[in-house]
C-alpha atoms as a PDB file:
ATOM      1  CA  MET A   1     -12.096 -17.633  19.014  1.00  0.00           C
ATOM      2  CA  THR A   2      -8.379 -17.389  18.117  1.00  0.00           C
ATOM      3  CA  THR A   3      -7.367 -14.220  16.633  1.00  0.00           C
ATOM      4  CA  THR A   4      -4.305 -13.708  14.273  1.00  0.00           C
ATOM      5  CA  THR A   5      -2.781  -9.798  14.907  1.00  0.00           C
ATOM      6  CA  ILE A   6       0.469 -10.337  12.488  1.00  0.00           C
ATOM      7  CA  THR A   7      -0.489  -7.893   9.090  1.00  0.00           C
ATOM      8  CA  PRO A   8       0.922  -8.942   6.345  1.00  0.00           C
ATOM      9  CA  ALA A   9       3.278  -6.830   4.317  1.00  0.00           C
ATOM     10  CA  ARG A  10       1.022  -7.762   1.137  1.00  0.00           C
ATOM     11  CA  HIS A  11      -1.845  -9.397   0.996  1.00  0.00           C
ATOM     12  CA  ARG A  12      -1.645 -12.664  -1.564  1.00  0.00           C
ATOM     13  CA  GLN A  13      -3.000 -11.813  -4.578  1.00  0.00           C
ATOM     14  CA  LEU A  14      -4.990 -14.283  -7.036  1.00  0.00           C
ATOM     15  CA  GLY A  15      -3.019 -17.216  -7.965  1.00  0.00           C
ATOM     16  CA  ASP A  16       0.278 -15.838  -6.191  1.00  0.00           C
ATOM     17  CA  GLN A  17       2.085 -18.864  -4.191  1.00  0.00           C
ATOM     18  CA  THR A  18       5.333 -16.809  -3.969  1.00  0.00           C
ATOM     19  CA  TRP A  19       4.972 -16.561  -0.195  1.00  0.00           C
ATOM     20  CA  GLN A  20       5.654 -20.006   0.616  1.00  0.00           C
ATOM     21  CA  ASP A  21       9.393 -19.322  -0.105  1.00  0.00           C
ATOM     22  CA  ASP A  22       9.149 -17.037   3.082  1.00  0.00           C
ATOM     23  CA  ALA A  23       7.348 -19.793   5.140  1.00  0.00           C
ATOM     24  CA  VAL A  24       9.638 -21.097   8.048  1.00  0.00           C
ATOM     25  CA  CYS A  25       8.570 -24.845   6.996  1.00  0.00           C
ATOM     26  CA  GLN A  26      10.102 -24.733   3.732  1.00  0.00           C
ATOM     27  CA  ARG A  27      12.573 -27.813   3.893  1.00  0.00           C
ATOM     28  CA  THR A  28      15.994 -26.864   2.630  1.00  0.00           C
ATOM     29  CA  GLU A  29      19.161 -27.980   3.112  1.00  0.00           C
ATOM     30  CA  TYR A  30      20.082 -25.680   5.842  1.00  0.00           C
ATOM     31  CA  ASN A  31      16.527 -26.096   7.612  1.00  0.00           C
ATOM     32  CA  PRO A  32      15.682 -29.841   7.522  1.00  0.00           C
ATOM     33  CA  VAL A  33      12.064 -29.250   8.633  1.00  0.00           C
ATOM     34  CA  ASP A  34      10.052 -32.602   8.801  1.00  0.00           C
ATOM     35  CA  PRO A  35       6.521 -32.101   6.832  1.00  0.00           C
ATOM     36  CA  ASP A  36       5.007 -34.477   8.555  1.00  0.00           C
ATOM     37  CA  LEU A  37       5.544 -32.250  11.865  1.00  0.00           C
ATOM     38  CA  PHE A  38       2.609 -30.193  10.649  1.00  0.00           C
ATOM     39  CA  PHE A  39       0.015 -32.841   9.971  1.00  0.00           C
ATOM     40  CA  PRO A  40      -0.052 -34.657  13.816  1.00  0.00           C
ATOM     41  CA  GLU A  41      -2.731 -36.895  15.191  1.00  0.00           C
ATOM     42  CA  PRO A  42      -5.023 -35.047  17.446  1.00  0.00           C
ATOM     43  CA  ASP A  43      -3.195 -36.709  20.332  1.00  0.00           C
ATOM     44  CA  GLU A  44       0.278 -35.717  19.552  1.00  0.00           C
ATOM     45  CA  THR A  45       0.266 -32.734  21.664  1.00  0.00           C
ATOM     46  CA  ASP A  46       4.481 -32.751  21.102  1.00  0.00           C
ATOM     47  CA  LYS A  47       4.097 -32.333  17.896  1.00  0.00           C
ATOM     48  CA  ILE A  48       1.318 -29.808  18.024  1.00  0.00           C
ATOM     49  CA  ALA A  49       3.757 -27.655  20.057  1.00  0.00           C
ATOM     50  CA  ALA A  50       6.764 -27.611  17.671  1.00  0.00           C
ATOM     51  CA  ALA A  51       4.487 -26.848  14.571  1.00  0.00           C
ATOM     52  CA  LYS A  52       2.764 -23.919  16.562  1.00  0.00           C
ATOM     53  CA  ALA A  53       6.363 -23.117  17.675  1.00  0.00           C
ATOM     54  CA  LEU A  54       7.502 -22.774  13.886  1.00  0.00           C
ATOM     55  CA  CYS A  55       4.586 -20.854  12.961  1.00  0.00           C
ATOM     56  CA  GLY A  56       5.017 -18.428  15.588  1.00  0.00           C
ATOM     57  CA  GLN A  57       8.544 -17.253  14.186  1.00  0.00           C
ATOM     58  CA  CYS A  58       7.103 -17.377  10.212  1.00  0.00           C
ATOM     59  CA  PRO A  59       7.061 -14.133   8.000  1.00  0.00           C
ATOM     60  CA  VAL A  60       3.996 -15.369   6.334  1.00  0.00           C
ATOM     61  CA  ARG A  61       1.601 -16.636   8.788  1.00  0.00           C
ATOM     62  CA  ARG A  62      -1.271 -14.727   8.391  1.00  0.00           C
ATOM     63  CA  THR A  63      -0.640 -15.406   4.367  1.00  0.00           C
ATOM     64  CA  CYS A  64      -0.734 -19.175   5.390  1.00  0.00           C
ATOM     65  CA  LEU A  65      -4.063 -19.004   7.056  1.00  0.00           C
ATOM     66  CA  ASP A  66      -5.666 -17.049   4.550  1.00  0.00           C
ATOM     67  CA  ALA A  67      -4.406 -19.318   1.826  1.00  0.00           C
ATOM     68  CA  ALA A  68      -5.632 -22.013   3.930  1.00  0.00           C
ATOM     69  CA  LEU A  69      -8.901 -20.354   4.678  1.00  0.00           C
ATOM     70  CA  GLU A  70      -9.818 -19.380   1.381  1.00  0.00           C
ATOM     71  CA  GLY A  71      -8.106 -22.694  -0.212  1.00  0.00           C
ATOM     72  CA  GLY A  72     -10.719 -24.842   1.673  1.00  0.00           C
ATOM     73  CA  ASP A  73      -7.572 -26.882   3.494  1.00  0.00           C
ATOM     74  CA  ALA A  74      -8.722 -28.373   6.426  1.00  0.00           C
ATOM     75  CA  HIS A  75      -6.081 -30.752   6.884  1.00  0.00           C
ATOM     76  CA  GLY A  76      -2.577 -30.204   9.517  1.00  0.00           C
ATOM     77  CA  ILE A  77      -1.626 -27.062  10.919  1.00  0.00           C
ATOM     78  CA  ARG A  78      -1.822 -24.022   8.706  1.00  0.00           C
ATOM     79  CA  GLY A  79      -1.366 -20.415   9.546  1.00  0.00           C
ATOM     80  CA  GLY A  80      -0.166 -21.465  13.218  1.00  0.00           C
ATOM     81  CA  MET A  81      -3.884 -23.051  13.775  1.00  0.00           C
ATOM     82  CA  THR A  82      -4.930 -26.524  14.336  1.00  0.00           C
ATOM     83  CA  GLU A  83      -7.548 -28.163  12.095  1.00  0.00           C
ATOM     84  CA  GLU A  84     -10.021 -27.527  15.122  1.00  0.00           C
ATOM     85  CA  GLU A  85      -9.011 -24.131  15.512  1.00  0.00           C
ATOM     86  CA  ARG A  86      -9.434 -23.491  11.858  1.00  0.00           C
ATOM     87  CA  GLU A  87     -13.013 -24.831  11.698  1.00  0.00           C
ATOM     88  CA  PRO A  88     -15.037 -21.881  13.069  1.00  0.00           C
ATOM     89  CA  LEU A  89     -12.789 -19.609  10.769  1.00  0.00           C
ATOM     90  CA  HIS A  90     -14.220 -22.113   8.021  1.00  0.00           C
ATOM     91  CA  GLU A  91     -17.587 -21.203   8.691  1.00  0.00           C
ATOM     92  CA  LYS A  92     -17.151 -17.211   8.807  1.00  0.00           C
ATOM     93  CA  LEU A  93     -14.867 -16.516   6.260  1.00  0.00           C
ATOM     94  CA  ALA A  94     -17.764 -15.350   3.801  1.00  0.00           C
ATOM     95  CA  HIS A  95     -18.437 -12.574   6.216  1.00  0.00           C
ATOM     96  CA  ARG A  96     -15.044 -11.691   6.819  1.00  0.00           C
ATOM     97  CA  LEU A  97     -14.362  -8.074   6.120  1.00  0.00           C
ATOM     98  CA  ASP A  98     -10.763  -6.887   6.097  1.00  0.00           C
ATOM     99  CA  TYR A  99     -10.654  -2.955   4.692  1.00  0.00           C
ATOM    100  CA  SER A 100      -6.692  -3.454   4.233  1.00  0.00           C
ATOM    101  CA  ARG A 101      -7.726  -6.216   1.212  1.00  0.00           C
ATOM    102  CA  VAL A 102     -10.514  -3.648   0.038  1.00  0.00           C
ATOM    103  CA  ASN A 103      -7.946  -0.922  -0.061  1.00  0.00           C
ATOM    104  CA  ASP A 104      -5.425  -3.124  -1.946  1.00  0.00           C
ATOM    105  CA  THR A 105      -8.426  -4.059  -4.340  1.00  0.00           C
ATOM    106  CA  ILE A 106      -9.236  -0.367  -4.873  1.00  0.00           C
ATOM    107  CA  ALA A 107      -5.849   0.476  -5.878  1.00  0.00           C
ATOM    108  CA  GLY A 108      -5.747  -2.295  -8.187  1.00  0.00           C
ATOM    109  CA  ARG A 109      -3.811  -5.418  -6.855  1.00  0.00           C
ATOM    110  CA  ASP A 110      -5.584  -8.976  -7.730  1.00  0.00           C
ATOM    111  CA  VAL A 111      -6.645  -9.843  -3.888  1.00  0.00           C
ATOM    112  CA  HIS A 112      -8.512 -12.815  -3.044  1.00  0.00           C
ATOM    113  CA  LEU A 113     -11.914 -11.209  -1.822  1.00  0.00           C
ATOM    114  CA  THR A 114     -14.738 -12.592   0.519  1.00  0.00           C
ATOM    115  CA  GLN A 115     -18.187 -11.794  -0.036  1.00  0.00           C
ATOM    116  CA  ALA A 116     -18.276  -9.070   2.235  1.00  0.00           C
ATOM    117  CA  GLU A 117     -14.965  -7.631   1.442  1.00  0.00           C
ATOM    118  CA  ARG A 118     -16.418  -7.295  -2.700  1.00  0.00           C
ATOM    119  CA  ARG A 119     -19.885  -6.009  -0.936  1.00  0.00           C
ATOM    120  CA  ALA A 120     -17.263  -2.771   0.502  1.00  0.00           C
ATOM    121  CA  VAL A 121     -15.123  -2.459  -2.613  1.00  0.00           C
ATOM    122  CA  ILE A 122     -18.364  -1.725  -4.561  1.00  0.00           C
ATOM    123  CA  TYR A 123     -19.124   0.887  -1.458  1.00  0.00           C
ATOM    124  CA  ALA A 124     -16.001   1.996  -1.989  1.00  0.00           C
ATOM    125  CA  ALA A 125     -15.486   2.409  -5.573  1.00  0.00           C
ATOM    126  CA  PHE A 126     -18.365   3.919  -5.701  1.00  0.00           C
ATOM    127  CA  ARG A 127     -18.050   6.743  -3.032  1.00  0.00           C
ATOM    128  CA  HIS A 128     -14.643   7.238  -4.520  1.00  0.00           C
ATOM    129  CA  GLY A 129     -16.303   7.713  -8.128  1.00  0.00           C
ATOM    130  CA  VAL A 130     -14.625   5.006  -9.842  1.00  0.00           C
ATOM    131  CA  THR A 131     -15.943   4.507 -12.801  1.00  0.00           C
ATOM    132  CA  GLU A 132     -18.142   1.071 -13.578  1.00  0.00           C
ATOM    133  CA  GLN A 133     -15.313  -0.005 -16.287  1.00  0.00           C
ATOM    134  CA  ARG A 134     -12.788   0.238 -13.634  1.00  0.00           C
ATOM    135  CA  LEU A 135     -15.210  -1.802 -11.241  1.00  0.00           C
ATOM    136  CA  ALA A 136     -15.629  -4.654 -13.626  1.00  0.00           C
ATOM    137  CA  TRP A 137     -11.628  -4.683 -13.836  1.00  0.00           C
ATOM    138  CA  LEU A 138     -11.443  -4.663 -10.005  1.00  0.00           C
ATOM    139  CA  LEU A 139     -13.735  -7.231  -9.751  1.00  0.00           C
ATOM    140  CA  LYS A 140     -13.055  -9.267 -12.396  1.00  0.00           C
ATOM    141  CA  VAL A 141     -17.048  -8.846 -13.693  1.00  0.00           C
ATOM    142  CA  THR A 142     -18.369  -8.003 -17.026  1.00  0.00           C
ATOM    143  CA  GLU A 143     -19.279  -4.220 -17.129  1.00  0.00           C
ATOM    144  CA  GLU A 144     -22.745  -4.719 -17.433  1.00  0.00           C
ATOM    145  CA  HIS A 145     -22.526  -6.710 -14.167  1.00  0.00           C
ATOM    146  CA  ALA A 146     -20.256  -3.949 -12.486  1.00  0.00           C
ATOM    147  CA  GLN A 147     -23.481  -1.504 -13.511  1.00  0.00           C
ATOM    148  CA  LYS A 148     -25.730  -3.916 -11.731  1.00  0.00           C
ATOM    149  CA  LYS A 149     -24.128  -3.657  -8.988  1.00  0.00           C
ATOM    150  CA  TYR A 150     -23.919   0.251  -8.573  1.00  0.00           C
ATOM    151  CA  ARG A 151     -27.436   0.178  -9.800  1.00  0.00           C
ATOM    152  CA  GLU A 152     -28.194  -2.148  -6.422  1.00  0.00           C
ATOM    153  CA  LEU A 153     -26.034  -0.056  -4.246  1.00  0.00           C
ATOM    154  CA  ARG A 154     -27.913   3.212  -5.557  1.00  0.00           C
ATOM    155  CA  ARG A 155     -31.391   1.840  -4.570  1.00  0.00           C
ATOM    156  CA  ALA A 156     -29.913   0.671  -1.145  1.00  0.00           C
ATOM    157  CA  LEU A 157     -28.625   4.317  -0.364  1.00  0.00           C
ATOM    158  CA  ARG A 158     -31.764   6.110  -1.511  1.00  0.00           C
ATOM    159  CA  ASN A 159     -33.824   3.489   0.634  1.00  0.00           C
ATOM    160  CA  ARG A 160     -31.618   3.996   3.655  1.00  0.00           C
ATOM    161  CA  ASP A 161     -31.925   8.026   3.491  1.00  0.00           C
ATOM    162  CA  LEU A 162     -35.473   7.235   3.027  1.00  0.00           C
ATOM    163  CA  GLU A 163     -36.000   5.547   5.798  1.00  0.00           C
ATOM    164  CA  GLN A 164     -33.983   7.890   7.967  1.00  0.00           C
ATOM    165  CA  LYS A 165     -36.027  10.664   7.017  1.00  0.00           C
ATOM    166  CA  LYS A 166     -38.942   8.403   8.244  1.00  0.00           C
ATOM    167  CA  THR A 167     -37.516   8.071  11.260  1.00  0.00           C
ATOM    168  CA  GLU A 168     -36.651  11.820  11.648  1.00  0.00           C
ATOM    169  CA  ALA A 169     -39.988  13.565  10.646  1.00  0.00           C
ATOM    170  CA  PRO A 170     -41.245  15.871  13.787  1.00  0.00           C
ATOM    171  CA  ALA A 171     -44.855  14.826  14.979  1.00  0.00           C
ATOM    172  CA  LEU A 172     -47.656  17.292  14.246  1.00  0.00           C
ATOM    173  CA  LYS A 173     -50.542  18.316  15.652  1.00  0.00           C
ATOM    174  CA  ALA A 174     -53.887  18.416  13.766  1.00  0.00           C
ATOM    175  CA  ASN A 175     -53.635  22.208  12.870  1.00  0.00           C
ATOM    176  CA  GLY A 176     -49.988  21.528  11.733  1.00  0.00           C
ATOM    177  CA  GLU A 177     -47.606  22.432  14.460  1.00  0.00           C
ATOM    178  CA  ARG A 178     -45.099  20.341  16.255  1.00  0.00           C
ATOM    179  CA  LEU A 179     -45.754  18.891  19.163  1.00  0.00           C
ATOM    180  CA  GLY A 180     -43.680  19.765  22.019  1.00  0.00           C
ATOM    181  CA  ARG A 181     -42.938  18.303  25.700  1.00  0.00           C
ATOM    182  CA  ASP A 182     -45.975  19.856  27.078  1.00  0.00           C
ATOM    183  CA  ASP A 183     -48.159  17.816  24.633  1.00  0.00           C
ATOM    184  CA  PHE A 184     -47.887  14.945  25.830  1.00  0.00           C
ATOM    185  CA  GLY A 185     -49.079  13.674  29.418  1.00  0.00           C
ATOM    186  CA  THR A 186     -47.538  12.093  32.792  1.00  0.00           C
ATOM    187  CA  ALA A 187     -47.804   8.209  32.970  1.00  0.00           C
ATOM    188  CA  ALA A 188     -50.112   7.356  36.253  1.00  0.00           C
END
């Protein structure tokens, strides 16, 4: 699997398309890029290599890839990856967890979030004492939905703590004493 190591200066916000102005592939008077270069046939390896070379220089490559994945764009070369290279990422998108996106959301930015990132925002908001009203605003949901998410999280944390206590409970003899190492026989 190909991974991207370029971290964007900022994440794409809801409805934000201004990042495209900084893309290397934007055709201008001084940069006559052929848009067909980014939609090659599978056997046009020279076009694929040329498009990927341009993407390799692009300051918004990660944002472009995110936009392609989040928008379900399955055609052409986007973010330096071909359709075939992006396909597994499309399938795993709902499970992506990027903590910088979570932190940006907690800070109040309207960032596109996956399901896993939304769960992480709820957890982080709960741990930081964010009010239900603020959580509702951050996730663009109703206050009642935010309350429900906090209730579910409190229940999950309580159940996790109960499970941990069960596994940590020491074994006791019939008379209430703790079992020690000598109380167990040796295997024959």
